[in-house]
N, C-alpha and C. Protein backbone atom coordinates (compact mmCIF):
# COMPACT_ATOMS: atom_id res chain seq x y z
N UNK A 1 -20.09 13.36 19.34
CA UNK A 1 -19.88 13.05 17.95
C UNK A 1 -19.11 14.21 17.30
N UNK A 2 -18.18 13.88 16.43
CA UNK A 2 -17.37 14.90 15.75
C UNK A 2 -18.28 15.77 14.87
N UNK A 3 -18.08 17.10 14.87
CA UNK A 3 -18.95 18.00 14.11
C UNK A 3 -19.01 17.71 12.60
N UNK A 4 -17.91 17.30 12.02
CA UNK A 4 -17.93 17.00 10.58
C UNK A 4 -18.76 15.76 10.32
N UNK A 5 -18.61 14.75 11.16
CA UNK A 5 -19.43 13.54 11.04
C UNK A 5 -20.91 13.89 11.21
N UNK A 6 -21.19 14.75 12.16
CA UNK A 6 -22.56 15.19 12.39
C UNK A 6 -23.11 15.89 11.15
N UNK A 7 -22.31 16.75 10.52
CA UNK A 7 -22.75 17.45 9.31
C UNK A 7 -23.02 16.45 8.18
N UNK A 8 -22.15 15.46 8.03
CA UNK A 8 -22.35 14.45 6.98
C UNK A 8 -23.61 13.63 7.22
N UNK A 9 -23.84 13.26 8.46
CA UNK A 9 -25.06 12.53 8.80
C UNK A 9 -26.29 13.39 8.50
N UNK A 10 -26.13 14.70 8.69
CA UNK A 10 -27.21 15.64 8.42
C UNK A 10 -27.41 15.93 6.94
N UNK A 11 -26.58 15.32 6.08
CA UNK A 11 -26.78 15.48 4.64
C UNK A 11 -25.80 16.37 3.93
N UNK A 12 -24.79 16.87 4.63
CA UNK A 12 -23.79 17.71 3.97
C UNK A 12 -23.05 16.90 2.91
N UNK A 13 -22.66 17.55 1.86
CA UNK A 13 -21.90 16.91 0.78
C UNK A 13 -20.42 17.24 0.99
N UNK A 14 -19.58 16.23 1.02
CA UNK A 14 -18.14 16.45 1.15
C UNK A 14 -17.53 16.39 -0.24
N UNK A 15 -16.92 17.48 -0.65
CA UNK A 15 -16.19 17.51 -1.92
C UNK A 15 -14.73 17.30 -1.57
N UNK A 16 -14.13 16.28 -2.16
CA UNK A 16 -12.78 15.87 -1.79
C UNK A 16 -11.88 15.82 -3.01
N UNK A 17 -10.57 16.01 -2.83
CA UNK A 17 -9.65 15.86 -3.96
C UNK A 17 -9.69 14.42 -4.48
N UNK A 18 -9.31 14.26 -5.73
CA UNK A 18 -9.32 12.94 -6.37
C UNK A 18 -8.48 11.93 -5.59
N UNK A 19 -7.47 12.39 -4.90
CA UNK A 19 -6.55 11.52 -4.18
C UNK A 19 -7.14 11.02 -2.85
N UNK A 20 -8.25 11.55 -2.42
CA UNK A 20 -8.81 11.25 -1.10
C UNK A 20 -9.03 9.76 -0.87
N UNK A 21 -9.62 9.07 -1.83
CA UNK A 21 -9.88 7.64 -1.63
C UNK A 21 -8.57 6.85 -1.49
N UNK A 22 -7.56 7.26 -2.24
CA UNK A 22 -6.26 6.60 -2.11
C UNK A 22 -5.68 6.84 -0.72
N UNK A 23 -5.85 8.04 -0.20
CA UNK A 23 -5.37 8.34 1.15
C UNK A 23 -6.09 7.48 2.20
N UNK A 24 -7.38 7.30 2.03
CA UNK A 24 -8.15 6.46 2.96
C UNK A 24 -7.62 5.03 2.92
N UNK A 25 -7.50 4.49 1.72
CA UNK A 25 -7.02 3.11 1.57
C UNK A 25 -5.61 2.96 2.13
N UNK A 26 -4.75 3.91 1.84
CA UNK A 26 -3.38 3.84 2.35
C UNK A 26 -3.37 3.85 3.88
N UNK A 27 -4.17 4.71 4.49
CA UNK A 27 -4.24 4.77 5.95
C UNK A 27 -4.70 3.43 6.54
N UNK A 28 -5.69 2.83 5.89
CA UNK A 28 -6.18 1.53 6.38
C UNK A 28 -5.14 0.44 6.24
N UNK A 29 -4.46 0.40 5.10
CA UNK A 29 -3.43 -0.63 4.87
C UNK A 29 -2.29 -0.48 5.88
N UNK A 30 -1.87 0.75 6.11
CA UNK A 30 -0.80 0.99 7.09
C UNK A 30 -1.26 0.56 8.49
N UNK A 31 -2.49 0.91 8.85
CA UNK A 31 -3.01 0.52 10.16
C UNK A 31 -3.11 -0.99 10.30
N UNK A 32 -3.48 -1.66 9.21
CA UNK A 32 -3.53 -3.13 9.25
C UNK A 32 -2.14 -3.72 9.44
N UNK A 33 -1.17 -3.21 8.70
CA UNK A 33 0.21 -3.72 8.83
C UNK A 33 0.74 -3.55 10.25
N UNK A 34 0.35 -2.46 10.88
CA UNK A 34 0.79 -2.17 12.24
C UNK A 34 -0.09 -2.87 13.28
N UNK A 35 -1.01 -3.68 12.81
CA UNK A 35 -1.90 -4.46 13.67
C UNK A 35 -2.80 -3.58 14.54
N UNK A 36 -3.12 -2.38 14.04
CA UNK A 36 -4.01 -1.47 14.77
C UNK A 36 -5.47 -1.72 14.42
N UNK A 37 -5.71 -2.25 13.21
CA UNK A 37 -7.06 -2.65 12.80
C UNK A 37 -6.96 -3.95 12.01
N UNK A 38 -8.05 -4.66 11.97
CA UNK A 38 -8.11 -5.89 11.19
C UNK A 38 -8.67 -5.58 9.80
N UNK A 39 -8.42 -6.44 8.83
CA UNK A 39 -9.02 -6.24 7.51
C UNK A 39 -10.55 -6.16 7.58
N UNK A 40 -11.14 -6.89 8.51
CA UNK A 40 -12.59 -6.86 8.67
C UNK A 40 -13.05 -5.47 9.14
N UNK A 41 -12.32 -4.87 10.06
CA UNK A 41 -12.66 -3.52 10.54
C UNK A 41 -12.47 -2.50 9.42
N UNK A 42 -11.44 -2.69 8.62
CA UNK A 42 -11.23 -1.80 7.48
C UNK A 42 -12.40 -1.88 6.52
N UNK A 43 -12.85 -3.09 6.24
CA UNK A 43 -13.98 -3.28 5.32
C UNK A 43 -15.24 -2.64 5.89
N UNK A 44 -15.44 -2.79 7.18
CA UNK A 44 -16.60 -2.18 7.85
C UNK A 44 -16.53 -0.66 7.76
N UNK A 45 -15.33 -0.11 7.99
CA UNK A 45 -15.14 1.34 7.91
C UNK A 45 -15.48 1.85 6.51
N UNK A 46 -15.00 1.14 5.48
CA UNK A 46 -15.27 1.56 4.10
C UNK A 46 -16.76 1.51 3.81
N UNK A 47 -17.45 0.48 4.26
CA UNK A 47 -18.90 0.40 4.07
C UNK A 47 -19.61 1.58 4.74
N UNK A 48 -19.18 1.90 5.97
CA UNK A 48 -19.76 3.05 6.69
C UNK A 48 -19.49 4.34 5.92
N UNK A 49 -18.27 4.50 5.45
CA UNK A 49 -17.87 5.72 4.74
C UNK A 49 -18.66 5.90 3.45
N UNK A 50 -18.96 4.81 2.77
CA UNK A 50 -19.68 4.88 1.51
C UNK A 50 -21.13 5.32 1.67
N UNK A 51 -21.62 5.37 2.88
CA UNK A 51 -22.99 5.84 3.12
C UNK A 51 -23.10 7.35 3.01
N UNK A 52 -21.96 8.05 3.10
CA UNK A 52 -21.98 9.51 3.06
C UNK A 52 -21.80 10.02 1.64
N UNK A 53 -22.35 11.19 1.40
CA UNK A 53 -22.25 11.82 0.10
C UNK A 53 -20.86 12.46 -0.04
N UNK A 54 -20.06 11.91 -0.93
CA UNK A 54 -18.75 12.51 -1.24
C UNK A 54 -18.64 12.65 -2.74
N UNK A 55 -18.10 13.77 -3.14
CA UNK A 55 -17.88 14.04 -4.55
C UNK A 55 -16.38 14.23 -4.75
N UNK A 56 -15.79 13.40 -5.59
CA UNK A 56 -14.37 13.52 -5.89
C UNK A 56 -14.19 14.57 -6.98
N UNK A 57 -13.32 15.53 -6.72
CA UNK A 57 -13.04 16.61 -7.66
C UNK A 57 -12.02 16.15 -8.69
N UNK A 58 -12.49 15.62 -9.78
CA UNK A 58 -11.59 15.14 -10.83
C UNK A 58 -10.96 16.31 -11.61
N UNK A 59 -11.58 17.49 -11.56
CA UNK A 59 -11.02 18.65 -12.27
C UNK A 59 -9.74 19.15 -11.61
N UNK A 60 -9.54 18.81 -10.35
CA UNK A 60 -8.35 19.27 -9.64
C UNK A 60 -7.05 18.78 -10.26
N UNK A 61 -7.12 17.67 -10.97
CA UNK A 61 -5.93 17.13 -11.63
C UNK A 61 -5.32 18.16 -12.57
N UNK A 62 -6.17 19.01 -13.16
CA UNK A 62 -5.70 20.04 -14.10
C UNK A 62 -4.84 21.10 -13.42
N UNK A 63 -4.87 21.17 -12.08
CA UNK A 63 -4.16 22.21 -11.36
C UNK A 63 -2.92 21.71 -10.63
N UNK A 64 -2.58 20.43 -10.84
CA UNK A 64 -1.46 19.82 -10.12
C UNK A 64 -0.15 20.55 -10.39
N UNK A 65 0.12 20.87 -11.64
CA UNK A 65 1.40 21.48 -12.00
C UNK A 65 1.41 22.99 -11.87
N UNK A 66 0.30 23.57 -11.47
CA UNK A 66 0.23 25.03 -11.37
C UNK A 66 -0.08 25.44 -9.93
N UNK A 67 -1.35 25.71 -9.63
CA UNK A 67 -1.69 26.27 -8.32
C UNK A 67 -1.43 25.31 -7.16
N UNK A 68 -1.54 24.00 -7.38
CA UNK A 68 -1.22 23.06 -6.29
C UNK A 68 0.26 23.07 -5.97
N UNK A 69 1.07 23.07 -7.00
CA UNK A 69 2.52 23.13 -6.81
C UNK A 69 2.90 24.42 -6.10
N UNK A 70 2.30 25.53 -6.54
CA UNK A 70 2.58 26.83 -5.91
C UNK A 70 2.18 26.83 -4.44
N UNK A 71 1.00 26.29 -4.13
CA UNK A 71 0.53 26.26 -2.74
C UNK A 71 1.42 25.37 -1.88
N UNK A 72 1.83 24.23 -2.42
CA UNK A 72 2.71 23.33 -1.67
C UNK A 72 4.03 24.00 -1.35
N UNK A 73 4.59 24.69 -2.34
CA UNK A 73 5.87 25.39 -2.12
C UNK A 73 5.72 26.53 -1.13
N UNK A 74 4.74 27.38 -1.37
CA UNK A 74 4.57 28.59 -0.57
C UNK A 74 4.29 28.28 0.90
N UNK A 75 3.50 27.25 1.13
CA UNK A 75 3.07 26.96 2.50
C UNK A 75 3.77 25.75 3.11
N UNK A 76 4.80 25.25 2.41
CA UNK A 76 5.59 24.12 2.92
C UNK A 76 4.70 22.93 3.29
N UNK A 77 3.78 22.60 2.38
CA UNK A 77 2.85 21.51 2.59
C UNK A 77 3.11 20.43 1.56
N UNK A 78 2.62 19.25 1.80
CA UNK A 78 2.73 18.17 0.82
C UNK A 78 1.80 18.47 -0.35
N UNK A 79 2.01 17.78 -1.44
CA UNK A 79 1.12 17.92 -2.59
C UNK A 79 -0.30 17.50 -2.20
N UNK A 80 -0.40 16.52 -1.33
CA UNK A 80 -1.72 16.06 -0.88
C UNK A 80 -2.44 17.16 -0.10
N UNK A 81 -1.74 17.79 0.84
CA UNK A 81 -2.34 18.90 1.58
C UNK A 81 -2.72 20.03 0.62
N UNK A 82 -1.84 20.31 -0.32
CA UNK A 82 -2.09 21.39 -1.27
C UNK A 82 -3.34 21.10 -2.10
N UNK A 83 -3.63 19.83 -2.37
CA UNK A 83 -4.83 19.51 -3.16
C UNK A 83 -6.09 19.90 -2.40
N UNK A 84 -6.11 19.75 -1.08
CA UNK A 84 -7.26 20.17 -0.28
C UNK A 84 -7.38 21.69 -0.27
N UNK A 85 -6.23 22.36 -0.10
CA UNK A 85 -6.22 23.82 -0.08
C UNK A 85 -6.67 24.40 -1.41
N UNK A 86 -6.14 23.86 -2.50
CA UNK A 86 -6.47 24.35 -3.84
C UNK A 86 -7.95 24.14 -4.12
N UNK A 87 -8.49 22.99 -3.78
CA UNK A 87 -9.91 22.70 -4.01
C UNK A 87 -10.80 23.66 -3.22
N UNK A 88 -10.49 23.86 -1.96
CA UNK A 88 -11.30 24.76 -1.13
C UNK A 88 -11.25 26.19 -1.67
N UNK A 89 -10.07 26.63 -2.08
CA UNK A 89 -9.93 27.99 -2.62
C UNK A 89 -10.68 28.12 -3.94
N UNK A 90 -10.45 27.20 -4.85
CA UNK A 90 -11.08 27.26 -6.18
C UNK A 90 -12.59 27.15 -6.08
N UNK A 91 -13.07 26.27 -5.21
CA UNK A 91 -14.50 26.04 -5.09
C UNK A 91 -15.22 26.99 -4.15
N UNK A 92 -14.45 27.76 -3.37
CA UNK A 92 -15.07 28.65 -2.39
C UNK A 92 -15.72 27.89 -1.25
N UNK A 93 -15.15 26.73 -0.94
CA UNK A 93 -15.71 25.86 0.10
C UNK A 93 -14.96 26.07 1.41
N UNK A 94 -15.65 25.86 2.55
CA UNK A 94 -14.92 25.86 3.82
C UNK A 94 -14.10 24.57 3.92
N UNK A 95 -12.93 24.69 4.51
CA UNK A 95 -12.04 23.54 4.68
C UNK A 95 -12.23 22.96 6.07
N UNK A 96 -12.53 21.67 6.13
CA UNK A 96 -12.68 20.97 7.41
C UNK A 96 -11.39 20.22 7.69
N UNK A 97 -10.62 20.70 8.65
CA UNK A 97 -9.37 20.04 9.03
C UNK A 97 -9.02 20.39 10.46
N UNK A 98 -8.37 19.43 11.13
CA UNK A 98 -7.85 19.68 12.47
C UNK A 98 -6.35 19.92 12.43
N UNK A 99 -5.75 19.70 11.25
CA UNK A 99 -4.31 19.85 11.07
C UNK A 99 -3.93 21.32 11.16
N UNK A 100 -3.18 21.70 12.19
CA UNK A 100 -2.89 23.11 12.43
C UNK A 100 -2.09 23.76 11.30
N UNK A 101 -1.02 23.14 10.77
CA UNK A 101 -0.33 23.77 9.64
C UNK A 101 -1.24 23.94 8.40
N UNK A 102 -2.13 22.98 8.17
CA UNK A 102 -3.06 23.11 7.04
C UNK A 102 -4.06 24.24 7.31
N UNK A 103 -4.49 24.38 8.56
CA UNK A 103 -5.39 25.49 8.93
C UNK A 103 -4.71 26.83 8.71
N UNK A 104 -3.45 26.93 9.10
CA UNK A 104 -2.70 28.18 8.93
C UNK A 104 -2.56 28.51 7.45
N UNK A 105 -2.22 27.52 6.64
CA UNK A 105 -2.08 27.74 5.20
C UNK A 105 -3.43 28.18 4.61
N UNK A 106 -4.52 27.58 5.06
CA UNK A 106 -5.85 27.97 4.58
C UNK A 106 -6.14 29.42 4.91
N UNK A 107 -5.84 29.80 6.13
CA UNK A 107 -6.05 31.19 6.54
C UNK A 107 -5.20 32.14 5.69
N UNK A 108 -3.95 31.77 5.44
CA UNK A 108 -3.07 32.60 4.61
C UNK A 108 -3.60 32.75 3.19
N UNK A 109 -4.28 31.71 2.69
CA UNK A 109 -4.84 31.74 1.34
C UNK A 109 -6.23 32.38 1.30
N UNK A 110 -6.76 32.74 2.45
CA UNK A 110 -8.10 33.32 2.50
C UNK A 110 -9.20 32.29 2.37
N UNK A 111 -8.88 31.03 2.69
CA UNK A 111 -9.86 29.95 2.63
C UNK A 111 -10.59 29.89 3.96
N UNK A 112 -11.91 29.88 3.90
CA UNK A 112 -12.72 29.78 5.11
C UNK A 112 -12.53 28.41 5.74
N UNK A 113 -12.44 28.38 7.05
CA UNK A 113 -12.35 27.11 7.78
C UNK A 113 -13.75 26.71 8.23
N UNK A 114 -14.05 25.43 8.11
CA UNK A 114 -15.36 24.94 8.52
C UNK A 114 -15.54 25.17 10.01
N UNK A 115 -16.65 25.81 10.34
CA UNK A 115 -16.98 26.10 11.73
C UNK A 115 -18.37 25.54 12.00
N UNK A 116 -18.46 24.46 12.78
CA UNK A 116 -19.77 23.84 13.02
C UNK A 116 -20.72 24.76 13.78
N UNK A 117 -20.20 25.80 14.40
CA UNK A 117 -21.04 26.73 15.16
C UNK A 117 -21.69 27.76 14.25
N UNK A 118 -21.21 27.89 13.01
CA UNK A 118 -21.69 28.91 12.08
C UNK A 118 -22.95 28.42 11.39
N UNK A 119 -24.08 28.92 11.82
CA UNK A 119 -25.35 28.48 11.24
C UNK A 119 -25.58 29.04 9.84
N UNK A 120 -24.79 30.02 9.41
CA UNK A 120 -24.97 30.57 8.07
C UNK A 120 -24.50 29.61 7.00
N UNK A 121 -23.70 28.61 7.40
CA UNK A 121 -23.23 27.64 6.42
C UNK A 121 -24.38 26.69 6.06
N UNK A 122 -25.28 26.45 6.97
CA UNK A 122 -26.43 25.60 6.68
C UNK A 122 -26.01 24.18 6.40
N UNK A 123 -26.30 23.70 5.21
CA UNK A 123 -25.95 22.34 4.80
C UNK A 123 -24.67 22.46 3.97
N UNK A 124 -23.53 22.53 4.61
CA UNK A 124 -22.31 22.91 3.90
C UNK A 124 -21.74 21.82 3.01
N UNK A 125 -20.95 22.29 2.08
CA UNK A 125 -20.05 21.39 1.37
C UNK A 125 -18.78 21.39 2.20
N UNK A 126 -18.29 20.24 2.56
CA UNK A 126 -17.11 20.14 3.41
C UNK A 126 -15.91 19.74 2.59
N UNK A 127 -14.75 20.29 2.91
CA UNK A 127 -13.50 19.93 2.23
C UNK A 127 -12.54 19.43 3.25
């Protein structure tokens, strides 16, 4: 089982940028168009996902034209990637990502990366 999924099952709270739900829906719609999943599987996935504790960071919208734009430019990332980086930095949260360029940008910004082996995190907030 993936460590982030394991943490969520264990009760970790995932704090996500406001755009996160749109990204999920977009990924599902694209996968459906490409015939990789059926609408029924998408619906099942959404029901499963809604069982986990996620908090959408609506305050992040206030940083779109400032620190998010700066992070996107500086680290050559999309605005969407920058929203995750900005949230993790502002909130002091570890960032959970497998995306290597996003991991590098997080390290450059001094953002802690989620490490499932680190017992000091306990019941972490995941980004």
